[in-house]
Amino acid sequence: MEMLSKTEYCQPAIFVTSLGAVEYLRHTKVSEVELCVATAGFSIGEITSLVFANAMSFEDGLRLVKLRASAMQLASETVPSAM
């Protein structure tokens, strides 16, 4: 669990978990998913939203999330910051 406290691991985990939830909805709420005409997200959710909308493949989305997460992890280790 300690690894998930690091951005480089938690962001890809959030991305995959979010898309797992989408797959669950595709099987349990078929008509609601089919009626969806718009999607949006915040931060990592923006990339998840693009994959959900079929504007980006899962593989490309995961590569982008991993690249973004690594850059953010490096930045957080380089520059003192807090949230």
PDB file of N, CA and C in Angstrom:
ATOM      1  N   MET A   1       0.817  -1.195   0.000  1.00  0.00           N
ATOM      2  CA  MET A   1       0.000   0.000   0.000  1.00  0.00           C
ATOM      3  C   MET A   1       0.860   1.258   0.000  1.00  0.00           C
ATOM      4  N   GLU A   2       2.048   1.179   0.552  1.00  0.00           N
ATOM      5  CA  GLU A   2       2.911   2.352   0.591  1.00  0.00           C
ATOM      6  C   GLU A   2       3.251   2.833  -0.816  1.00  0.00           C
ATOM      7  N   MET A   3       3.375   1.904  -1.760  1.00  0.00           N
ATOM      8  CA  MET A   3       3.686   2.295  -3.137  1.00  0.00           C
ATOM      9  C   MET A   3       2.584   3.172  -3.719  1.00  0.00           C
ATOM     10  N   LEU A   4       1.338   2.908  -3.340  1.00  0.00           N
ATOM     11  CA  LEU A   4       0.227   3.690  -3.880  1.00  0.00           C
ATOM     12  C   LEU A   4       0.210   5.124  -3.366  1.00  0.00           C
ATOM     13  N   SER A   5       1.041   5.442  -2.396  1.00  0.00           N
ATOM     14  CA  SER A   5       1.134   6.828  -1.939  1.00  0.00           C
ATOM     15  C   SER A   5       2.002   7.656  -2.879  1.00  0.00           C
ATOM     16  N   LYS A   6       2.686   6.995  -3.797  1.00  0.00           N
ATOM     17  CA  LYS A   6       3.519   7.694  -4.777  1.00  0.00           C
ATOM     18  C   LYS A   6       2.718   7.927  -6.055  1.00  0.00           C
ATOM     19  N   THR A   7       2.826   9.142  -6.563  1.00  0.00           N
ATOM     20  CA  THR A   7       2.085   9.542  -7.759  1.00  0.00           C
ATOM     21  C   THR A   7       2.318   8.601  -8.925  1.00  0.00           C
ATOM     22  N   GLU A   8       3.555   8.158  -9.109  1.00  0.00           N
ATOM     23  CA  GLU A   8       3.862   7.320 -10.272  1.00  0.00           C
ATOM     24  C   GLU A   8       3.121   5.985 -10.249  1.00  0.00           C
ATOM     25  N   TYR A   9       2.646   5.570  -9.089  1.00  0.00           N
ATOM     26  CA  TYR A   9       1.879   4.324  -8.989  1.00  0.00           C
ATOM     27  C   TYR A   9       0.382   4.577  -8.821  1.00  0.00           C
ATOM     28  N   CYS A  10       0.032   5.608  -8.058  1.00  0.00           N
ATOM     29  CA  CYS A  10      -1.398   5.809  -7.782  1.00  0.00           C
ATOM     30  C   CYS A  10      -2.155   6.306  -9.004  1.00  0.00           C
ATOM     31  N   GLN A  11      -1.546   7.138  -9.841  1.00  0.00           N
ATOM     32  CA  GLN A  11      -2.284   7.639 -11.002  1.00  0.00           C
ATOM     33  C   GLN A  11      -2.621   6.537 -12.009  1.00  0.00           C
ATOM     34  N   PRO A  12      -1.682   5.666 -12.381  1.00  0.00           N
ATOM     35  CA  PRO A  12      -2.084   4.551 -13.248  1.00  0.00           C
ATOM     36  C   PRO A  12      -3.126   3.647 -12.584  1.00  0.00           C
ATOM     37  N   ALA A  13      -3.023   3.469 -11.273  1.00  0.00           N
ATOM     38  CA  ALA A  13      -4.011   2.640 -10.564  1.00  0.00           C
ATOM     39  C   ALA A  13      -5.397   3.276 -10.622  1.00  0.00           C
ATOM     40  N   ILE A  14      -5.470   4.584 -10.460  1.00  0.00           N
ATOM     41  CA  ILE A  14      -6.753   5.291 -10.551  1.00  0.00           C
ATOM     42  C   ILE A  14      -7.321   5.167 -11.958  1.00  0.00           C
ATOM     43  N   PHE A  15      -6.484   5.332 -12.964  1.00  0.00           N
ATOM     44  CA  PHE A  15      -6.901   5.219 -14.369  1.00  0.00           C
ATOM     45  C   PHE A  15      -7.504   3.842 -14.647  1.00  0.00           C
ATOM     46  N   VAL A  16      -6.789   2.793 -14.274  1.00  0.00           N
ATOM     47  CA  VAL A  16      -7.255   1.427 -14.530  1.00  0.00           C
ATOM     48  C   VAL A  16      -8.518   1.119 -13.723  1.00  0.00           C
ATOM     49  N   THR A  17      -8.555   1.543 -12.472  1.00  0.00           N
ATOM     50  CA  THR A  17      -9.734   1.307 -11.638  1.00  0.00           C
ATOM     51  C   THR A  17     -10.957   2.029 -12.199  1.00  0.00           C
ATOM     52  N   SER A  18     -10.771   3.249 -12.657  1.00  0.00           N
ATOM     53  CA  SER A  18     -11.881   4.011 -13.236  1.00  0.00           C
ATOM     54  C   SER A  18     -12.432   3.325 -14.476  1.00  0.00           C
ATOM     55  N   LEU A  19     -11.546   2.835 -15.325  1.00  0.00           N
ATOM     56  CA  LEU A  19     -12.013   2.139 -16.528  1.00  0.00           C
ATOM     57  C   LEU A  19     -12.608   0.781 -16.180  1.00  0.00           C
ATOM     58  N   GLY A  20     -12.160   0.181 -15.091  1.00  0.00           N
ATOM     59  CA  GLY A  20     -12.804  -1.040 -14.607  1.00  0.00           C
ATOM     60  C   GLY A  20     -14.243  -0.762 -14.203  1.00  0.00           C
ATOM     61  N   ALA A  21     -14.465   0.386 -13.569  1.00  0.00           N
ATOM     62  CA  ALA A  21     -15.830   0.782 -13.199  1.00  0.00           C
ATOM     63  C   ALA A  21     -16.681   1.010 -14.440  1.00  0.00           C
ATOM     64  N   VAL A  22     -16.086   1.583 -15.472  1.00  0.00           N
ATOM     65  CA  VAL A  22     -16.803   1.779 -16.738  1.00  0.00           C
ATOM     66  C   VAL A  22     -17.208   0.433 -17.333  1.00  0.00           C
ATOM     67  N   GLU A  23     -16.307  -0.530 -17.312  1.00  0.00           N
ATOM     68  CA  GLU A  23     -16.634  -1.859 -17.849  1.00  0.00           C
ATOM     69  C   GLU A  23     -17.765  -2.500 -17.053  1.00  0.00           C
ATOM     70  N   TYR A  24     -17.757  -2.305 -15.751  1.00  0.00           N
ATOM     71  CA  TYR A  24     -18.857  -2.807 -14.926  1.00  0.00           C
ATOM     72  C   TYR A  24     -20.176  -2.184 -15.384  1.00  0.00           C
ATOM     73  N   LEU A  25     -20.166  -0.874 -15.592  1.00  0.00           N
ATOM     74  CA  LEU A  25     -21.378  -0.190 -16.054  1.00  0.00           C
ATOM     75  C   LEU A  25     -21.809  -0.674 -17.436  1.00  0.00           C
ATOM     76  N   ARG A  26     -20.849  -0.943 -18.308  1.00  0.00           N
ATOM     77  CA  ARG A  26     -21.184  -1.445 -19.653  1.00  0.00           C
ATOM     78  C   ARG A  26     -21.970  -2.753 -19.576  1.00  0.00           C
ATOM     79  N   HIS A  27     -21.752  -3.524 -18.532  1.00  0.00           N
ATOM     80  CA  HIS A  27     -22.434  -4.810 -18.381  1.00  0.00           C
ATOM     81  C   HIS A  27     -23.684  -4.743 -17.510  1.00  0.00           C
ATOM     82  N   THR A  28     -23.770  -3.763 -16.636  1.00  0.00           N
ATOM     83  CA  THR A  28     -24.911  -3.704 -15.718  1.00  0.00           C
ATOM     84  C   THR A  28     -25.897  -2.580 -16.031  1.00  0.00           C
ATOM     85  N   LYS A  29     -25.438  -1.552 -16.697  1.00  0.00           N
ATOM     86  CA  LYS A  29     -26.286  -0.395 -17.043  1.00  0.00           C
ATOM     87  C   LYS A  29     -26.145  -0.107 -18.536  1.00  0.00           C
ATOM     88  N   VAL A  30     -26.394  -1.118 -19.341  1.00  0.00           N
ATOM     89  CA  VAL A  30     -26.145  -1.049 -20.782  1.00  0.00           C
ATOM     90  C   VAL A  30     -26.827   0.157 -21.419  1.00  0.00           C
ATOM     91  N   SER A  31     -28.108   0.347 -21.182  1.00  0.00           N
ATOM     92  CA  SER A  31     -28.825   1.442 -21.846  1.00  0.00           C
ATOM     93  C   SER A  31     -28.305   2.809 -21.408  1.00  0.00           C
ATOM     94  N   GLU A  32     -27.948   2.963 -20.143  1.00  0.00           N
ATOM     95  CA  GLU A  32     -27.423   4.239 -19.670  1.00  0.00           C
ATOM     96  C   GLU A  32     -26.099   4.578 -20.355  1.00  0.00           C
ATOM     97  N   VAL A  33     -25.242   3.589 -20.516  1.00  0.00           N
ATOM     98  CA  VAL A  33     -23.961   3.819 -21.179  1.00  0.00           C
ATOM     99  C   VAL A  33     -24.191   4.136 -22.652  1.00  0.00           C
ATOM    100  N   GLU A  34     -25.095   3.417 -23.291  1.00  0.00           N
ATOM    101  CA  GLU A  34     -25.382   3.661 -24.706  1.00  0.00           C
ATOM    102  C   GLU A  34     -25.983   5.043 -24.934  1.00  0.00           C
ATOM    103  N   LEU A  35     -26.725   5.565 -23.966  1.00  0.00           N
ATOM    104  CA  LEU A  35     -27.350   6.881 -24.094  1.00  0.00           C
ATOM    105  C   LEU A  35     -26.402   8.033 -23.761  1.00  0.00           C
ATOM    106  N   CYS A  36     -25.238   7.729 -23.258  1.00  0.00           N
ATOM    107  CA  CYS A  36     -24.275   8.760 -22.869  1.00  0.00           C
ATOM    108  C   CYS A  36     -23.824   9.545 -24.111  1.00  0.00           C
ATOM    109  N   VAL A  37     -23.973  10.873 -24.063  1.00  0.00           N
ATOM    110  CA  VAL A  37     -23.593  11.713 -25.201  1.00  0.00           C
ATOM    111  C   VAL A  37     -22.399  12.612 -24.890  1.00  0.00           C
ATOM    112  N   ALA A  38     -21.975  12.643 -23.642  1.00  0.00           N
ATOM    113  CA  ALA A  38     -20.837  13.470 -23.263  1.00  0.00           C
ATOM    114  C   ALA A  38     -20.132  12.829 -22.076  1.00  0.00           C
ATOM    115  N   THR A  39     -18.866  13.137 -21.965  1.00  0.00           N
ATOM    116  CA  THR A  39     -18.080  12.637 -20.844  1.00  0.00           C
ATOM    117  C   THR A  39     -17.044  13.697 -20.478  1.00  0.00           C
ATOM    118  N   ALA A  40     -16.674  13.744 -19.232  1.00  0.00           N
ATOM    119  CA  ALA A  40     -15.703  14.734 -18.770  1.00  0.00           C
ATOM    120  C   ALA A  40     -14.930  14.152 -17.604  1.00  0.00           C
ATOM    121  N   GLY A  41     -13.813  14.753 -17.320  1.00  0.00           N
ATOM    122  CA  GLY A  41     -13.013  14.300 -16.193  1.00  0.00           C
ATOM    123  C   GLY A  41     -12.129  15.421 -15.695  1.00  0.00           C
ATOM    124  N   PHE A  42     -11.562  15.221 -14.533  1.00  0.00           N
ATOM    125  CA  PHE A  42     -10.644  16.189 -13.947  1.00  0.00           C
ATOM    126  C   PHE A  42      -9.326  15.485 -13.679  1.00  0.00           C
ATOM    127  N   SER A  43      -8.228  16.104 -14.080  1.00  0.00           N
ATOM    128  CA  SER A  43      -6.897  15.549 -13.878  1.00  0.00           C
ATOM    129  C   SER A  43      -6.780  14.217 -14.621  1.00  0.00           C
ATOM    130  N   ILE A  44      -6.460  13.141 -13.951  1.00  0.00           N
ATOM    131  CA  ILE A  44      -6.364  11.834 -14.608  1.00  0.00           C
ATOM    132  C   ILE A  44      -7.695  11.460 -15.247  1.00  0.00           C
ATOM    133  N   GLY A  45      -8.777  11.946 -14.688  1.00  0.00           N
ATOM    134  CA  GLY A  45     -10.102  11.674 -15.230  1.00  0.00           C
ATOM    135  C   GLY A  45     -10.294  12.181 -16.644  1.00  0.00           C
ATOM    136  N   GLU A  46      -9.529  13.204 -17.045  1.00  0.00           N
ATOM    137  CA  GLU A  46      -9.610  13.689 -18.422  1.00  0.00           C
ATOM    138  C   GLU A  46      -9.158  12.606 -19.398  1.00  0.00           C
ATOM    139  N   ILE A  47      -8.102  11.916 -19.047  1.00  0.00           N
ATOM    140  CA  ILE A  47      -7.589  10.852 -19.915  1.00  0.00           C
ATOM    141  C   ILE A  47      -8.537   9.665 -19.880  1.00  0.00           C
ATOM    142  N   THR A  48      -9.036   9.331 -18.716  1.00  0.00           N
ATOM    143  CA  THR A  48     -10.030   8.266 -18.587  1.00  0.00           C
ATOM    144  C   THR A  48     -11.244   8.577 -19.450  1.00  0.00           C
ATOM    145  N   SER A  49     -11.666   9.818 -19.435  1.00  0.00           N
ATOM    146  CA  SER A  49     -12.814  10.258 -20.218  1.00  0.00           C
ATOM    147  C   SER A  49     -12.568  10.078 -21.717  1.00  0.00           C
ATOM    148  N   LEU A  50     -11.373  10.384 -22.176  1.00  0.00           N
ATOM    149  CA  LEU A  50     -11.037  10.206 -23.595  1.00  0.00           C
ATOM    150  C   LEU A  50     -11.090   8.737 -23.997  1.00  0.00           C
ATOM    151  N   VAL A  51     -10.629   7.860 -23.126  1.00  0.00           N
ATOM    152  CA  VAL A  51     -10.684   6.423 -23.417  1.00  0.00           C
ATOM    153  C   VAL A  51     -12.137   5.952 -23.426  1.00  0.00           C
ATOM    154  N   PHE A  52     -12.923   6.381 -22.455  1.00  0.00           N
ATOM    155  CA  PHE A  52     -14.341   6.021 -22.398  1.00  0.00           C
ATOM    156  C   PHE A  52     -15.062   6.460 -23.668  1.00  0.00           C
ATOM    157  N   ALA A  53     -14.703   7.633 -24.194  1.00  0.00           N
ATOM    158  CA  ALA A  53     -15.342   8.178 -25.393  1.00  0.00           C
ATOM    159  C   ALA A  53     -14.774   7.578 -26.679  1.00  0.00           C
ATOM    160  N   ASN A  54     -13.852   6.635 -26.555  1.00  0.00           N
ATOM    161  CA  ASN A  54     -13.184   6.014 -27.709  1.00  0.00           C
ATOM    162  C   ASN A  54     -12.400   7.014 -28.549  1.00  0.00           C
ATOM    163  N   ALA A  55     -11.959   8.108 -27.933  1.00  0.00           N
ATOM    164  CA  ALA A  55     -11.115   9.082 -28.613  1.00  0.00           C
ATOM    165  C   ALA A  55      -9.643   8.704 -28.475  1.00  0.00           C
ATOM    166  N   MET A  56      -9.360   7.758 -27.592  1.00  0.00           N
ATOM    167  CA  MET A  56      -7.995   7.299 -27.336  1.00  0.00           C
ATOM    168  C   MET A  56      -8.079   5.838 -26.918  1.00  0.00           C
ATOM    169  N   SER A  57      -7.098   5.055 -27.339  1.00  0.00           N
ATOM    170  CA  SER A  57      -7.091   3.644 -26.944  1.00  0.00           C
ATOM    171  C   SER A  57      -6.677   3.511 -25.478  1.00  0.00           C
ATOM    172  N   PHE A  58      -7.045   2.388 -24.878  1.00  0.00           N
ATOM    173  CA  PHE A  58      -6.636   2.114 -23.504  1.00  0.00           C
ATOM    174  C   PHE A  58      -5.115   2.142 -23.397  1.00  0.00           C
ATOM    175  N   GLU A  59      -4.444   1.509 -24.361  1.00  0.00           N
ATOM    176  CA  GLU A  59      -2.979   1.427 -24.324  1.00  0.00           C
ATOM    177  C   GLU A  59      -2.341   2.812 -24.394  1.00  0.00           C
ATOM    178  N   ASP A  60      -2.832   3.662 -25.313  1.00  0.00           N
ATOM    179  CA  ASP A  60      -2.292   5.022 -25.409  1.00  0.00           C
ATOM    180  C   ASP A  60      -2.599   5.818 -24.144  1.00  0.00           C
ATOM    181  N   GLY A  61      -3.794   5.645 -23.611  1.00  0.00           N
ATOM    182  CA  GLY A  61      -4.158   6.334 -22.377  1.00  0.00           C
ATOM    183  C   GLY A  61      -3.254   5.932 -21.224  1.00  0.00           C
ATOM    184  N   LEU A  62      -2.999   4.639 -21.099  1.00  0.00           N
ATOM    185  CA  LEU A  62      -2.137   4.161 -20.016  1.00  0.00           C
ATOM    186  C   LEU A  62      -0.710   4.675 -20.186  1.00  0.00           C
ATOM    187  N   ARG A  63      -0.210   4.683 -21.419  1.00  0.00           N
ATOM    188  CA  ARG A  63       1.137   5.228 -21.659  1.00  0.00           C
ATOM    189  C   ARG A  63       1.201   6.700 -21.250  1.00  0.00           C
ATOM    190  N   LEU A  64       0.178   7.463 -21.630  1.00  0.00           N
ATOM    191  CA  LEU A  64       0.142   8.884 -21.289  1.00  0.00           C
ATOM    192  C   LEU A  64       0.058   9.085 -19.776  1.00  0.00           C
ATOM    193  N   VAL A  65      -0.776   8.315 -19.120  1.00  0.00           N
ATOM    194  CA  VAL A  65      -0.910   8.418 -17.659  1.00  0.00           C
ATOM    195  C   VAL A  65       0.417   8.077 -16.984  1.00  0.00           C
ATOM    196  N   LYS A  66       1.085   7.028 -17.436  1.00  0.00           N
ATOM    197  CA  LYS A  66       2.370   6.644 -16.829  1.00  0.00           C
ATOM    198  C   LYS A  66       3.418   7.730 -17.038  1.00  0.00           C
ATOM    199  N   LEU A  67       3.456   8.316 -18.232  1.00  0.00           N
ATOM    200  CA  LEU A  67       4.408   9.392 -18.513  1.00  0.00           C
ATOM    201  C   LEU A  67       4.115  10.605 -17.632  1.00  0.00           C
ATOM    202  N   ARG A  68       2.854  10.976 -17.545  1.00  0.00           N
ATOM    203  CA  ARG A  68       2.428  12.111 -16.723  1.00  0.00           C
ATOM    204  C   ARG A  68       2.738  11.857 -15.250  1.00  0.00           C
ATOM    205  N   ALA A  69       2.438  10.668 -14.784  1.00  0.00           N
ATOM    206  CA  ALA A  69       2.668  10.328 -13.379  1.00  0.00           C
ATOM    207  C   ALA A  69       4.154  10.356 -13.037  1.00  0.00           C
ATOM    208  N   SER A  70       4.985   9.846 -13.935  1.00  0.00           N
ATOM    209  CA  SER A  70       6.437   9.869 -13.696  1.00  0.00           C
ATOM    210  C   SER A  70       6.954  11.297 -13.635  1.00  0.00           C
ATOM    211  N   ALA A  71       6.473  12.152 -14.543  1.00  0.00           N
ATOM    212  CA  ALA A  71       6.896  13.556 -14.550  1.00  0.00           C
ATOM    213  C   ALA A  71       6.448  14.261 -13.273  1.00  0.00           C
ATOM    214  N   MET A  72       5.223  13.990 -12.848  1.00  0.00           N
ATOM    215  CA  MET A  72       4.721  14.615 -11.622  1.00  0.00           C
ATOM    216  C   MET A  72       5.464  14.107 -10.391  1.00  0.00           C
ATOM    217  N   GLN A  73       5.817  12.821 -10.376  1.00  0.00           N
ATOM    218  CA  GLN A  73       6.573  12.264  -9.255  1.00  0.00           C
ATOM    219  C   GLN A  73       7.936  12.933  -9.165  1.00  0.00           C
ATOM    220  N   LEU A  74       8.611  13.069 -10.310  1.00  0.00           N
ATOM    221  CA  LEU A  74       9.918  13.718 -10.342  1.00  0.00           C
ATOM    222  C   LEU A  74       9.806  15.167  -9.869  1.00  0.00           C
ATOM    223  N   ALA A  75       8.794  15.870 -10.342  1.00  0.00           N
ATOM    224  CA  ALA A  75       8.607  17.266  -9.933  1.00  0.00           C
ATOM    225  C   ALA A  75       8.361  17.370  -8.431  1.00  0.00           C
ATOM    226  N   SER A  76       7.582  16.451  -7.887  1.00  0.00           N
ATOM    227  CA  SER A  76       7.286  16.512  -6.447  1.00  0.00           C
ATOM    228  C   SER A  76       8.515  16.202  -5.599  1.00  0.00           C
ATOM    229  N   GLU A  77       9.435  15.423  -6.149  1.00  0.00           N
ATOM    230  CA  GLU A  77      10.667  15.104  -5.417  1.00  0.00           C
ATOM    231  C   GLU A  77      11.718  16.193  -5.582  1.00  0.00           C
ATOM    232  N   THR A  78      11.583  16.997  -6.635  1.00  0.00           N
ATOM    233  CA  THR A  78      12.562  18.033  -6.944  1.00  0.00           C
ATOM    234  C   THR A  78      12.241  19.357  -6.267  1.00  0.00           C
ATOM    235  N   VAL A  79      10.956  19.687  -6.232  1.00  0.00           N
ATOM    236  CA  VAL A  79      10.518  20.979  -5.704  1.00  0.00           C
ATOM    237  C   VAL A  79       9.668  20.753  -4.456  1.00  0.00           C
ATOM    238  N   PRO A  80      10.041  21.368  -3.328  1.00  0.00           N
ATOM    239  CA  PRO A  80       9.221  21.219  -2.123  1.00  0.00           C
ATOM    240  C   PRO A  80       7.801  21.745  -2.378  1.00  0.00           C
ATOM    241  N   SER A  81       6.821  20.962  -1.995  1.00  0.00           N
ATOM    242  CA  SER A  81       5.434  21.377  -2.205  1.00  0.00           C
ATOM    243  C   SER A  81       4.537  20.669  -1.200  1.00  0.00           C
ATOM    244  N   ALA A  82       3.298  21.123  -1.143  1.00  0.00           N
ATOM    245  CA  ALA A  82       2.307  20.498  -0.262  1.00  0.00           C
ATOM    246  C   ALA A  82       0.932  20.728  -0.851  1.00  0.00           C
ATOM    247  N   MET A  83       0.000  19.857  -0.466  1.00  0.00           N
ATOM    248  CA  MET A  83      -1.383  20.006  -0.912  1.00  0.00           C
ATOM    249  C   MET A  83      -2.274  20.234   0.269  1.00  0.00           C
TER     250      MET A  83
END
